[in-house]
PDB file of all heavy atoms in Angstrom:
ATOM      1  N   PHE A   1     -10.084  -9.895   1.492  1.00  0.00           N
ATOM      2  CA  PHE A   1      -9.057 -10.795   1.079  1.00  0.00           C
ATOM      3  C   PHE A   1      -8.070 -10.150   0.092  1.00  0.00           C
ATOM      4  O   PHE A   1      -6.919 -10.163   0.293  1.00  0.00           O
ATOM      5  CB  PHE A   1      -9.581 -12.110   0.390  1.00  0.00           C
ATOM      6  CG  PHE A   1      -8.639 -13.129  -0.043  1.00  0.00           C
ATOM      7  CD1 PHE A   1      -8.048 -13.916   0.813  1.00  0.00           C
ATOM      8  CD2 PHE A   1      -8.369 -13.183  -1.428  1.00  0.00           C
ATOM      9  CE1 PHE A   1      -7.057 -14.989   0.351  1.00  0.00           C
ATOM     10  CE2 PHE A   1      -7.405 -14.030  -1.859  1.00  0.00           C
ATOM     11  CZ  PHE A   1      -6.719 -15.058  -0.947  1.00  0.00           C
ATOM     12  N   VAL A   2      -8.750  -9.393  -0.862  1.00  0.00           N
ATOM     13  CA  VAL A   2      -7.985  -8.725  -1.831  1.00  0.00           C
ATOM     14  C   VAL A   2      -7.213  -7.476  -1.050  1.00  0.00           C
ATOM     15  O   VAL A   2      -6.025  -7.222  -1.449  1.00  0.00           O
ATOM     16  CB  VAL A   2      -8.769  -8.106  -2.953  1.00  0.00           C
ATOM     17  CG1 VAL A   2      -8.212  -7.112  -3.884  1.00  0.00           C
ATOM     18  CG2 VAL A   2      -9.380  -9.178  -3.849  1.00  0.00           C
ATOM     19  N   ARG A   3      -7.888  -6.926  -0.179  1.00  0.00           N
ATOM     20  CA  ARG A   3      -7.244  -5.759   0.471  1.00  0.00           C
ATOM     21  C   ARG A   3      -6.025  -6.145   1.222  1.00  0.00           C
ATOM     22  O   ARG A   3      -4.966  -5.543   1.225  1.00  0.00           O
ATOM     23  CB  ARG A   3      -8.282  -5.135   1.395  1.00  0.00           C
ATOM     24  CG  ARG A   3      -7.765  -3.765   2.156  1.00  0.00           C
ATOM     25  CD  ARG A   3      -8.783  -3.111   2.935  1.00  0.00           C
ATOM     26  NE  ARG A   3      -9.981  -2.692   2.102  1.00  0.00           N
ATOM     27  CZ  ARG A   3     -11.185  -3.249   2.224  1.00  0.00           C
ATOM     28  NH1 ARG A   3     -11.462  -4.274   2.984  1.00  0.00           N
ATOM     29  NH2 ARG A   3     -12.152  -2.839   1.533  1.00  0.00           N
ATOM     30  N   LEU A   4      -6.099  -7.334   1.893  1.00  0.00           N
ATOM     31  CA  LEU A   4      -4.853  -7.842   2.651  1.00  0.00           C
ATOM     32  C   LEU A   4      -3.758  -8.219   1.580  1.00  0.00           C
ATOM     33  O   LEU A   4      -2.669  -7.980   1.865  1.00  0.00           O
ATOM     34  CB  LEU A   4      -5.276  -9.167   3.436  1.00  0.00           C
ATOM     35  CG  LEU A   4      -5.982  -8.968   4.679  1.00  0.00           C
ATOM     36  CD1 LEU A   4      -6.404 -10.272   5.182  1.00  0.00           C
ATOM     37  CD2 LEU A   4      -5.163  -8.079   5.738  1.00  0.00           C
ATOM     38  N   LEU A   5      -4.030  -8.693   0.370  1.00  0.00           N
ATOM     39  CA  LEU A   5      -3.079  -9.031  -0.460  1.00  0.00           C
ATOM     40  C   LEU A   5      -2.418  -7.729  -0.998  1.00  0.00           C
ATOM     41  O   LEU A   5      -1.170  -7.632  -1.274  1.00  0.00           O
ATOM     42  CB  LEU A   5      -3.589  -9.773  -1.842  1.00  0.00           C
ATOM     43  CG  LEU A   5      -4.196 -11.158  -1.461  1.00  0.00           C
ATOM     44  CD1 LEU A   5      -4.939 -11.727  -2.696  1.00  0.00           C
ATOM     45  CD2 LEU A   5      -3.033 -12.102  -1.161  1.00  0.00           C
ATOM     46  N   ARG A   6      -3.276  -6.669  -1.248  1.00  0.00           N
ATOM     47  CA  ARG A   6      -2.662  -5.384  -1.703  1.00  0.00           C
ATOM     48  C   ARG A   6      -1.762  -4.776  -0.663  1.00  0.00           C
ATOM     49  O   ARG A   6      -0.611  -4.236  -0.941  1.00  0.00           O
ATOM     50  CB  ARG A   6      -3.776  -4.434  -1.994  1.00  0.00           C
ATOM     51  CG  ARG A   6      -4.621  -4.849  -3.221  1.00  0.00           C
ATOM     52  CD  ARG A   6      -5.738  -3.917  -3.457  1.00  0.00           C
ATOM     53  NE  ARG A   6      -6.381  -4.052  -4.825  1.00  0.00           N
ATOM     54  CZ  ARG A   6      -7.420  -3.413  -5.316  1.00  0.00           C
ATOM     55  NH1 ARG A   6      -7.867  -2.401  -4.627  1.00  0.00           N
ATOM     56  NH2 ARG A   6      -7.752  -3.702  -6.454  1.00  0.00           N
ATOM     57  N   LEU A   7      -2.195  -4.824   0.598  1.00  0.00           N
ATOM     58  CA  LEU A   7      -1.388  -4.213   1.750  1.00  0.00           C
ATOM     59  C   LEU A   7      -0.116  -4.947   1.834  1.00  0.00           C
ATOM     60  O   LEU A   7       1.014  -4.347   2.072  1.00  0.00           O
ATOM     61  CB  LEU A   7      -2.257  -4.289   2.940  1.00  0.00           C
ATOM     62  CG  LEU A   7      -3.332  -3.239   3.090  1.00  0.00           C
ATOM     63  CD1 LEU A   7      -4.234  -3.516   4.328  1.00  0.00           C
ATOM     64  CD2 LEU A   7      -2.793  -1.778   3.194  1.00  0.00           C
ATOM     65  N   ASP A   8      -0.067  -6.257   1.841  1.00  0.00           N
ATOM     66  CA  ASP A   8       1.219  -7.117   1.868  1.00  0.00           C
ATOM     67  C   ASP A   8       2.109  -6.722   0.736  1.00  0.00           C
ATOM     68  O   ASP A   8       3.243  -6.603   0.922  1.00  0.00           O
ATOM     69  CB  ASP A   8       0.845  -8.555   1.959  1.00  0.00           C
ATOM     70  CG  ASP A   8       2.058  -9.402   2.407  1.00  0.00           C
ATOM     71  OD1 ASP A   8       2.585  -9.018   3.513  1.00  0.00           O
ATOM     72  OD2 ASP A   8       2.379 -10.289   1.730  1.00  0.00           O
ATOM     73  N   TRP A   9       1.458  -6.574  -0.439  1.00  0.00           N
ATOM     74  CA  TRP A   9       2.448  -6.213  -1.666  1.00  0.00           C
ATOM     75  C   TRP A   9       2.915  -4.867  -1.455  1.00  0.00           C
ATOM     76  O   TRP A   9       4.105  -4.658  -1.788  1.00  0.00           O
ATOM     77  CB  TRP A   9       1.450  -6.270  -2.898  1.00  0.00           C
ATOM     78  CG  TRP A   9       2.257  -6.107  -4.113  1.00  0.00           C
ATOM     79  CD1 TRP A   9       2.929  -6.901  -4.975  1.00  0.00           C
ATOM     80  CD2 TRP A   9       2.383  -4.774  -4.768  1.00  0.00           C
ATOM     81  NE1 TRP A   9       3.589  -6.254  -5.878  1.00  0.00           N
ATOM     82  CE2 TRP A   9       3.312  -4.953  -5.969  1.00  0.00           C
ATOM     83  CE3 TRP A   9       1.971  -3.326  -4.475  1.00  0.00           C
ATOM     84  CZ2 TRP A   9       3.519  -3.941  -6.813  1.00  0.00           C
ATOM     85  CZ3 TRP A   9       2.382  -2.314  -5.363  1.00  0.00           C
ATOM     86  CH2 TRP A   9       3.133  -2.650  -6.439  1.00  0.00           C
ATOM     87  N   ALA A  10       2.086  -3.969  -1.037  1.00  0.00           N
ATOM     88  CA  ALA A  10       2.626  -2.540  -0.800  1.00  0.00           C
ATOM     89  C   ALA A  10       3.740  -2.524   0.144  1.00  0.00           C
ATOM     90  O   ALA A  10       4.729  -1.758   0.045  1.00  0.00           O
ATOM     91  CB  ALA A  10       1.472  -1.623  -0.375  1.00  0.00           C
ATOM     92  N   ALA A  11       3.477  -3.306   1.324  1.00  0.00           N
ATOM     93  CA  ALA A  11       4.533  -3.403   2.387  1.00  0.00           C
ATOM     94  C   ALA A  11       5.898  -3.866   1.819  1.00  0.00           C
ATOM     95  O   ALA A  11       6.948  -3.403   2.205  1.00  0.00           O
ATOM     96  CB  ALA A  11       4.062  -4.267   3.506  1.00  0.00           C
ATOM     97  N   ARG A  12       5.858  -4.902   1.013  1.00  0.00           N
ATOM     98  CA  ARG A  12       7.075  -5.433   0.348  1.00  0.00           C
ATOM     99  C   ARG A  12       7.709  -4.286  -0.548  1.00  0.00           C
ATOM    100  O   ARG A  12       8.936  -4.184  -0.668  1.00  0.00           O
ATOM    101  CB  ARG A  12       6.698  -6.652  -0.457  1.00  0.00           C
ATOM    102  CG  ARG A  12       6.370  -7.958   0.427  1.00  0.00           C
ATOM    103  CD  ARG A  12       6.544  -9.296  -0.386  1.00  0.00           C
ATOM    104  NE  ARG A  12       5.696  -9.297  -1.556  1.00  0.00           N
ATOM    105  CZ  ARG A  12       4.417  -9.694  -1.582  1.00  0.00           C
ATOM    106  NH1 ARG A  12       3.746 -10.032  -0.355  1.00  0.00           N
ATOM    107  NH2 ARG A  12       3.714  -9.678  -2.561  1.00  0.00           N
ATOM    108  N   GLN A  13       6.866  -3.585  -1.239  1.00  0.00           N
ATOM    109  CA  GLN A  13       7.439  -2.574  -2.231  1.00  0.00           C
ATOM    110  C   GLN A  13       8.063  -1.486  -1.422  1.00  0.00           C
ATOM    111  O   GLN A  13       9.093  -1.034  -1.800  1.00  0.00           O
ATOM    112  CB  GLN A  13       6.232  -2.013  -3.097  1.00  0.00           C
ATOM    113  CG  GLN A  13       5.694  -3.026  -4.026  1.00  0.00           C
ATOM    114  CD  GLN A  13       6.832  -3.469  -5.099  1.00  0.00           C
ATOM    115  OE1 GLN A  13       7.108  -4.713  -4.968  1.00  0.00           O
ATOM    116  NE2 GLN A  13       7.254  -2.610  -5.840  1.00  0.00           N
ATOM    117  N   LEU A  14       7.642  -1.214  -0.162  1.00  0.00           N
ATOM    118  CA  LEU A  14       8.240  -0.118   0.684  1.00  0.00           C
ATOM    119  C   LEU A  14       9.631  -0.581   0.984  1.00  0.00           C
ATOM    120  O   LEU A  14      10.484   0.311   1.077  1.00  0.00           O
ATOM    121  CB  LEU A  14       7.336   0.034   1.939  1.00  0.00           C
ATOM    122  CG  LEU A  14       5.999   0.814   1.652  1.00  0.00           C
ATOM    123  CD1 LEU A  14       5.250   0.755   2.935  1.00  0.00           C
ATOM    124  CD2 LEU A  14       6.256   2.205   1.266  1.00  0.00           C
ATOM    125  N   ALA A  15       9.776  -1.932   1.146  1.00  0.00           N
ATOM    126  CA  ALA A  15      11.085  -2.366   1.560  1.00  0.00           C
ATOM    127  C   ALA A  15      12.085  -2.594   0.340  1.00  0.00           C
ATOM    128  O   ALA A  15      13.306  -2.349   0.583  1.00  0.00           O
ATOM    129  CB  ALA A  15      10.975  -3.607   2.363  1.00  0.00           C
ATOM    130  N   GLY A  16      11.550  -2.864  -0.755  1.00  0.00           N
ATOM    131  CA  GLY A  16      12.364  -3.308  -1.972  1.00  0.00           C
ATOM    132  C   GLY A  16      12.342  -2.485  -3.072  1.00  0.00           C
ATOM    133  O   GLY A  16      12.916  -2.786  -4.118  1.00  0.00           O
ATOM    134  N   SER A  17      11.610  -1.378  -3.013  1.00  0.00           N
ATOM    135  CA  SER A  17      11.429  -0.507  -4.192  1.00  0.00           C
ATOM    136  C   SER A  17      11.759   0.964  -3.812  1.00  0.00           C
ATOM    137  O   SER A  17      11.382   1.370  -2.674  1.00  0.00           O
ATOM    138  CB  SER A  17       9.959  -0.545  -4.696  1.00  0.00           C
ATOM    139  OG  SER A  17       9.636   0.431  -5.612  1.00  0.00           O
ATOM    140  N   GLY A  18      12.294   1.704  -4.724  1.00  0.00           N
ATOM    141  CA  GLY A  18      12.494   3.204  -4.405  1.00  0.00           C
ATOM    142  C   GLY A  18      11.214   3.872  -4.897  1.00  0.00           C
ATOM    143  O   GLY A  18      11.485   5.249  -4.907  1.00  0.00           O
ATOM    144  N   ASP A  19      10.188   3.376  -5.265  1.00  0.00           N
ATOM    145  CA  ASP A  19       9.061   4.235  -5.889  1.00  0.00           C
ATOM    146  C   ASP A  19       8.454   4.992  -4.568  1.00  0.00           C
ATOM    147  O   ASP A  19       8.511   4.618  -3.518  1.00  0.00           O
ATOM    148  CB  ASP A  19       7.986   3.259  -6.265  1.00  0.00           C
ATOM    149  CG  ASP A  19       8.368   2.540  -7.740  1.00  0.00           C
ATOM    150  OD1 ASP A  19       9.386   3.069  -8.276  1.00  0.00           O
ATOM    151  OD2 ASP A  19       7.731   1.524  -8.047  1.00  0.00           O
ATOM    152  N   SER A  20       7.869   6.070  -5.062  1.00  0.00           N
ATOM    153  CA  SER A  20       7.100   6.894  -4.002  1.00  0.00           C
ATOM    154  C   SER A  20       5.922   6.075  -3.473  1.00  0.00           C
ATOM    155  O   SER A  20       5.400   5.193  -4.079  1.00  0.00           O
ATOM    156  CB  SER A  20       6.685   8.208  -4.595  1.00  0.00           C
ATOM    157  OG  SER A  20       5.628   7.989  -5.583  1.00  0.00           O
ATOM    158  N   ILE A  21       5.541   6.542  -2.214  1.00  0.00           N
ATOM    159  CA  ILE A  21       4.400   5.899  -1.661  1.00  0.00           C
ATOM    160  C   ILE A  21       3.173   6.144  -2.459  1.00  0.00           C
ATOM    161  O   ILE A  21       2.376   5.153  -2.646  1.00  0.00           O
ATOM    162  CB  ILE A  21       4.185   6.470  -0.195  1.00  0.00           C
ATOM    163  CG1 ILE A  21       5.366   6.181   0.765  1.00  0.00           C
ATOM    164  CG2 ILE A  21       2.841   5.980   0.424  1.00  0.00           C
ATOM    165  CD1 ILE A  21       5.390   6.825   2.047  1.00  0.00           C
ATOM    166  N   ALA A  22       3.003   7.339  -3.096  1.00  0.00           N
ATOM    167  CA  ALA A  22       1.808   7.530  -3.916  1.00  0.00           C
ATOM    168  C   ALA A  22       1.908   6.610  -5.133  1.00  0.00           C
ATOM    169  O   ALA A  22       0.752   6.045  -5.526  1.00  0.00           O
ATOM    170  CB  ALA A  22       1.954   8.987  -4.571  1.00  0.00           C
ATOM    171  N   ALA A  23       2.993   6.371  -5.672  1.00  0.00           N
ATOM    172  CA  ALA A  23       3.089   5.335  -6.853  1.00  0.00           C
ATOM    173  C   ALA A  23       2.842   4.003  -6.437  1.00  0.00           C
ATOM    174  O   ALA A  23       2.176   3.179  -7.140  1.00  0.00           O
ATOM    175  CB  ALA A  23       4.517   5.434  -7.445  1.00  0.00           C
ATOM    176  N   ILE A  24       3.344   3.672  -5.172  1.00  0.00           N
ATOM    177  CA  ILE A  24       3.095   2.233  -4.789  1.00  0.00           C
ATOM    178  C   ILE A  24       1.551   1.995  -4.497  1.00  0.00           C
ATOM    179  O   ILE A  24       0.966   1.008  -4.813  1.00  0.00           O
ATOM    180  CB  ILE A  24       3.858   2.021  -3.418  1.00  0.00           C
ATOM    181  CG1 ILE A  24       5.337   1.880  -3.772  1.00  0.00           C
ATOM    182  CG2 ILE A  24       3.395   0.677  -2.783  1.00  0.00           C
ATOM    183  CD1 ILE A  24       6.288   1.822  -2.516  1.00  0.00           C
ATOM    184  N   ALA A  25       0.932   3.109  -3.945  1.00  0.00           N
ATOM    185  CA  ALA A  25      -0.459   3.073  -3.666  1.00  0.00           C
ATOM    186  C   ALA A  25      -1.339   2.842  -4.947  1.00  0.00           C
ATOM    187  O   ALA A  25      -2.223   1.974  -5.130  1.00  0.00           O
ATOM    188  CB  ALA A  25      -1.157   4.370  -2.987  1.00  0.00           C
ATOM    189  N   ALA A  26      -0.898   3.574  -6.066  1.00  0.00           N
ATOM    190  CA  ALA A  26      -1.564   3.388  -7.323  1.00  0.00           C
ATOM    191  C   ALA A  26      -1.301   1.965  -7.988  1.00  0.00           C
ATOM    192  O   ALA A  26      -2.165   1.327  -8.495  1.00  0.00           O
ATOM    193  CB  ALA A  26      -1.115   4.443  -8.356  1.00  0.00           C
ATOM    194  N   GLN A  27      -0.027   1.546  -7.912  1.00  0.00           N
ATOM    195  CA  GLN A  27       0.263   0.210  -8.371  1.00  0.00           C
ATOM    196  C   GLN A  27      -0.451  -0.909  -7.669  1.00  0.00           C
ATOM    197  O   GLN A  27      -0.765  -1.988  -8.259  1.00  0.00           O
ATOM    198  CB  GLN A  27       1.787   0.042  -8.329  1.00  0.00           C
ATOM    199  CG  GLN A  27       2.485   0.991  -9.274  1.00  0.00           C
ATOM    200  CD  GLN A  27       3.993   0.998  -8.834  1.00  0.00           C
ATOM    201  OE1 GLN A  27       4.505   0.095  -8.198  1.00  0.00           O
ATOM    202  NE2 GLN A  27       4.780   1.978  -9.302  1.00  0.00           N
ATOM    203  N   ALA A  28      -0.666  -0.777  -6.270  1.00  0.00           N
ATOM    204  CA  ALA A  28      -1.284  -1.765  -5.583  1.00  0.00           C
ATOM    205  C   ALA A  28      -2.798  -1.812  -5.751  1.00  0.00           C
ATOM    206  O   ALA A  28      -3.474  -2.679  -5.394  1.00  0.00           O
ATOM    207  CB  ALA A  28      -1.045  -1.536  -4.048  1.00  0.00           C
ATOM    208  N   GLY A  29      -3.346  -0.846  -6.406  1.00  0.00           N
ATOM    209  CA  GLY A  29      -4.730  -0.722  -6.749  1.00  0.00           C
ATOM    210  C   GLY A  29      -5.568   0.200  -5.807  1.00  0.00           C
ATOM    211  O   GLY A  29      -6.826   0.170  -5.839  1.00  0.00           O
ATOM    212  N   PHE A  30      -5.005   0.915  -5.035  1.00  0.00           N
ATOM    213  CA  PHE A  30      -5.751   1.867  -4.043  1.00  0.00           C
ATOM    214  C   PHE A  30      -6.037   3.174  -4.822  1.00  0.00           C
ATOM    215  O   PHE A  30      -5.235   3.554  -5.797  1.00  0.00           O
ATOM    216  CB  PHE A  30      -4.985   2.181  -2.825  1.00  0.00           C
ATOM    217  CG  PHE A  30      -4.804   1.085  -1.883  1.00  0.00           C
ATOM    218  CD1 PHE A  30      -3.702   0.193  -1.954  1.00  0.00           C
ATOM    219  CD2 PHE A  30      -5.846   0.815  -0.980  1.00  0.00           C
ATOM    220  CE1 PHE A  30      -3.523  -0.921  -1.090  1.00  0.00           C
ATOM    221  CE2 PHE A  30      -5.700  -0.283  -0.008  1.00  0.00           C
ATOM    222  CZ  PHE A  30      -4.499  -1.120  -0.145  1.00  0.00           C
ATOM    223  N   THR A  31      -6.930   3.907  -4.397  1.00  0.00           N
ATOM    224  CA  THR A  31      -7.457   5.122  -5.139  1.00  0.00           C
ATOM    225  C   THR A  31      -6.335   6.125  -5.064  1.00  0.00           C
ATOM    226  O   THR A  31      -6.059   6.905  -6.056  1.00  0.00           O
ATOM    227  CB  THR A  31      -8.747   5.615  -4.337  1.00  0.00           C
ATOM    228  OG1 THR A  31      -9.745   4.593  -4.527  1.00  0.00           O
ATOM    229  CG2 THR A  31      -9.259   6.743  -5.118  1.00  0.00           C
ATOM    230  N   ASP A  32      -5.814   6.319  -3.834  1.00  0.00           N
ATOM    231  CA  ASP A  32      -4.694   7.335  -3.729  1.00  0.00           C
ATOM    232  C   ASP A  32      -3.913   6.918  -2.521  1.00  0.00           C
ATOM    233  O   ASP A  32      -4.165   5.946  -1.925  1.00  0.00           O
ATOM    234  CB  ASP A  32      -5.263   8.688  -3.672  1.00  0.00           C
ATOM    235  CG  ASP A  32      -6.262   8.816  -2.611  1.00  0.00           C
ATOM    236  OD1 ASP A  32      -6.315   8.086  -1.635  1.00  0.00           O
ATOM    237  OD2 ASP A  32      -7.164   9.672  -2.785  1.00  0.00           O
ATOM    238  N   GLN A  33      -2.851   7.774  -2.248  1.00  0.00           N
ATOM    239  CA  GLN A  33      -2.045   7.525  -1.183  1.00  0.00           C
ATOM    240  C   GLN A  33      -2.734   7.435   0.264  1.00  0.00           C
ATOM    241  O   GLN A  33      -2.465   6.781   1.076  1.00  0.00           O
ATOM    242  CB  GLN A  33      -0.848   8.562  -0.996  1.00  0.00           C
ATOM    243  CG  GLN A  33       0.178   8.378   0.115  1.00  0.00           C
ATOM    244  CD  GLN A  33       1.347   9.171   0.007  1.00  0.00           C
ATOM    245  OE1 GLN A  33       1.734   9.847  -1.108  1.00  0.00           O
ATOM    246  NE2 GLN A  33       2.028   9.567   1.094  1.00  0.00           N
ATOM    247  N   SER A  34      -3.673   8.540   0.351  1.00  0.00           N
ATOM    248  CA  SER A  34      -4.363   8.560   1.623  1.00  0.00           C
ATOM    249  C   SER A  34      -5.206   7.350   1.952  1.00  0.00           C
ATOM    250  O   SER A  34      -5.348   6.948   2.960  1.00  0.00           O
ATOM    251  CB  SER A  34      -5.226   9.829   1.694  1.00  0.00           C
ATOM    252  OG  SER A  34      -6.311   9.783   0.703  1.00  0.00           O
ATOM    253  N   CYS A  35      -5.736   6.695   0.780  1.00  0.00           N
ATOM    254  CA  CYS A  35      -6.617   5.500   0.945  1.00  0.00           C
ATOM    255  C   CYS A  35      -5.639   4.357   1.389  1.00  0.00           C
ATOM    256  O   CYS A  35      -6.045   3.592   2.358  1.00  0.00           O
ATOM    257  CB  CYS A  35      -7.198   5.139  -0.349  1.00  0.00           C
ATOM    258  SG  CYS A  35      -8.224   3.700  -0.328  1.00  0.00           S
ATOM    259  N   LEU A  36      -4.450   4.258   0.988  1.00  0.00           N
ATOM    260  CA  LEU A  36      -3.459   3.319   1.301  1.00  0.00           C
ATOM    261  C   LEU A  36      -3.042   3.536   2.726  1.00  0.00           C
ATOM    262  O   LEU A  36      -3.024   2.597   3.564  1.00  0.00           O
ATOM    263  CB  LEU A  36      -2.283   3.312   0.406  1.00  0.00           C
ATOM    264  CG  LEU A  36      -1.021   2.520   0.955  1.00  0.00           C
ATOM    265  CD1 LEU A  36      -1.303   1.101   0.983  1.00  0.00           C
ATOM    266  CD2 LEU A  36       0.157   2.801  -0.031  1.00  0.00           C
ATOM    267  N   THR A  37      -2.837   4.752   3.172  1.00  0.00           N
ATOM    268  CA  THR A  37      -2.515   5.008   4.478  1.00  0.00           C
ATOM    269  C   THR A  37      -3.515   4.573   5.476  1.00  0.00           C
ATOM    270  O   THR A  37      -3.150   4.088   6.519  1.00  0.00           O
ATOM    271  CB  THR A  37      -2.096   6.546   4.553  1.00  0.00           C
ATOM    272  OG1 THR A  37      -1.095   6.897   3.793  1.00  0.00           O
ATOM    273  CG2 THR A  37      -1.723   6.867   6.050  1.00  0.00           C
ATOM    274  N   ARG A  38      -4.670   4.904   5.172  1.00  0.00           N
ATOM    275  CA  ARG A  38      -5.761   4.536   6.186  1.00  0.00           C
ATOM    276  C   ARG A  38      -5.927   3.110   6.313  1.00  0.00           C
ATOM    277  O   ARG A  38      -6.038   2.561   7.441  1.00  0.00           O
ATOM    278  CB  ARG A  38      -7.105   5.135   5.716  1.00  0.00           C
ATOM    279  CG  ARG A  38      -7.350   6.572   5.916  1.00  0.00           C
ATOM    280  CD  ARG A  38      -8.858   7.103   5.692  1.00  0.00           C
ATOM    281  NE  ARG A  38      -9.274   6.754   4.379  1.00  0.00           N
ATOM    282  CZ  ARG A  38      -9.166   7.477   3.359  1.00  0.00           C
ATOM    283  NH1 ARG A  38      -8.607   8.648   3.342  1.00  0.00           N
ATOM    284  NH2 ARG A  38      -9.741   7.128   2.209  1.00  0.00           N
ATOM    285  N   ALA A  39      -5.881   2.323   5.218  1.00  0.00           N
ATOM    286  CA  ALA A  39      -5.898   0.878   5.342  1.00  0.00           C
ATOM    287  C   ALA A  39      -4.787   0.258   5.970  1.00  0.00           C
ATOM    288  O   ALA A  39      -4.752  -0.698   6.744  1.00  0.00           O
ATOM    289  CB  ALA A  39      -6.074   0.295   3.908  1.00  0.00           C
ATOM    290  N   PHE A  40      -3.506   0.903   5.728  1.00  0.00           N
ATOM    291  CA  PHE A  40      -2.309   0.438   6.217  1.00  0.00           C
ATOM    292  C   PHE A  40      -2.377   0.616   7.772  1.00  0.00           C
ATOM    293  O   PHE A  40      -1.855  -0.313   8.497  1.00  0.00           O
ATOM    294  CB  PHE A  40      -1.158   1.133   5.675  1.00  0.00           C
ATOM    295  CG  PHE A  40       0.219   0.521   5.673  1.00  0.00           C
ATOM    296  CD1 PHE A  40       0.551  -0.255   4.396  1.00  0.00           C
ATOM    297  CD2 PHE A  40       1.128   0.483   6.672  1.00  0.00           C
ATOM    298  CE1 PHE A  40       1.763  -0.924   4.311  1.00  0.00           C
ATOM    299  CE2 PHE A  40       2.284  -0.083   6.590  1.00  0.00           C
ATOM    300  CZ  PHE A  40       2.665  -0.859   5.439  1.00  0.00           C
ATOM    301  N   ARG A  41      -2.797   1.793   8.245  1.00  0.00           N
ATOM    302  CA  ARG A  41      -2.835   1.945   9.622  1.00  0.00           C
ATOM    303  C   ARG A  41      -3.764   1.115  10.373  1.00  0.00           C
ATOM    304  O   ARG A  41      -3.576   0.563  11.429  1.00  0.00           O
ATOM    305  CB  ARG A  41      -3.088   3.470   9.949  1.00  0.00           C
ATOM    306  CG  ARG A  41      -2.983   3.909  11.375  1.00  0.00           C
ATOM    307  CD  ARG A  41      -3.710   5.230  11.620  1.00  0.00           C
ATOM    308  NE  ARG A  41      -3.216   6.282  10.884  1.00  0.00           N
ATOM    309  CZ  ARG A  41      -2.189   6.942  11.283  1.00  0.00           C
ATOM    310  NH1 ARG A  41      -1.512   6.726  12.369  1.00  0.00           N
ATOM    311  NH2 ARG A  41      -1.715   7.998  10.527  1.00  0.00           N
ATOM    312  N   ALA A  42      -4.842   0.874   9.756  1.00  0.00           N
ATOM    313  CA  ALA A  42      -5.916  -0.050  10.267  1.00  0.00           C
ATOM    314  C   ALA A  42      -5.438  -1.457  10.440  1.00  0.00           C
ATOM    315  O   ALA A  42      -5.740  -2.135  11.408  1.00  0.00           O
ATOM    316  CB  ALA A  42      -7.133   0.025   9.477  1.00  0.00           C
ATOM    317  N   ARG A  43      -4.569  -1.914   9.497  1.00  0.00           N
ATOM    318  CA  ARG A  43      -4.194  -3.281   9.420  1.00  0.00           C
ATOM    319  C   ARG A  43      -2.900  -3.485  10.372  1.00  0.00           C
ATOM    320  O   ARG A  43      -2.789  -4.489  11.122  1.00  0.00           O
ATOM    321  CB  ARG A  43      -3.971  -3.762   8.027  1.00  0.00           C
ATOM    322  CG  ARG A  43      -3.479  -5.074   7.977  1.00  0.00           C
ATOM    323  CD  ARG A  43      -4.226  -6.194   8.690  1.00  0.00           C
ATOM    324  NE  ARG A  43      -5.628  -6.151   8.140  1.00  0.00           N
ATOM    325  CZ  ARG A  43      -6.684  -6.931   8.559  1.00  0.00           C
ATOM    326  NH1 ARG A  43      -6.446  -7.920   9.499  1.00  0.00           N
ATOM    327  NH2 ARG A  43      -7.800  -6.943   8.013  1.00  0.00           N
ATOM    328  N   PHE A  44      -2.011  -2.519  10.178  1.00  0.00           N
ATOM    329  CA  PHE A  44      -0.657  -2.829  10.731  1.00  0.00           C
ATOM    330  C   PHE A  44      -0.315  -1.827  11.901  1.00  0.00           C
ATOM    331  O   PHE A  44       0.690  -2.086  12.562  1.00  0.00           O
ATOM    332  CB  PHE A  44       0.461  -2.587   9.680  1.00  0.00           C
ATOM    333  CG  PHE A  44       0.328  -3.395   8.449  1.00  0.00           C
ATOM    334  CD1 PHE A  44       0.425  -3.004   7.120  1.00  0.00           C
ATOM    335  CD2 PHE A  44       0.261  -4.823   8.658  1.00  0.00           C
ATOM    336  CE1 PHE A  44       0.318  -3.700   6.145  1.00  0.00           C
ATOM    337  CE2 PHE A  44       0.161  -5.666   7.553  1.00  0.00           C
ATOM    338  CZ  PHE A  44       0.162  -5.096   6.394  1.00  0.00           C
ATOM    339  N   GLY A  45      -1.264  -0.886  12.215  1.00  0.00           N
ATOM    340  CA  GLY A  45      -0.992  -0.058  13.229  1.00  0.00           C
ATOM    341  C   GLY A  45       0.139   1.003  13.058  1.00  0.00           C
ATOM    342  O   GLY A  45       0.612   1.596  14.057  1.00  0.00           O
TER     343      GLY A  45
END
């Protein structure tokens, strides 16, 4: 449940923020950018 909330928040930040992907990953609560990328790919393809 929390992972989905983090991914949805990160997706919104990608569209509405100029922050780097690494910064968005950290702000969303993921360990690092690669962790976000794996979860993002698994959920959104």
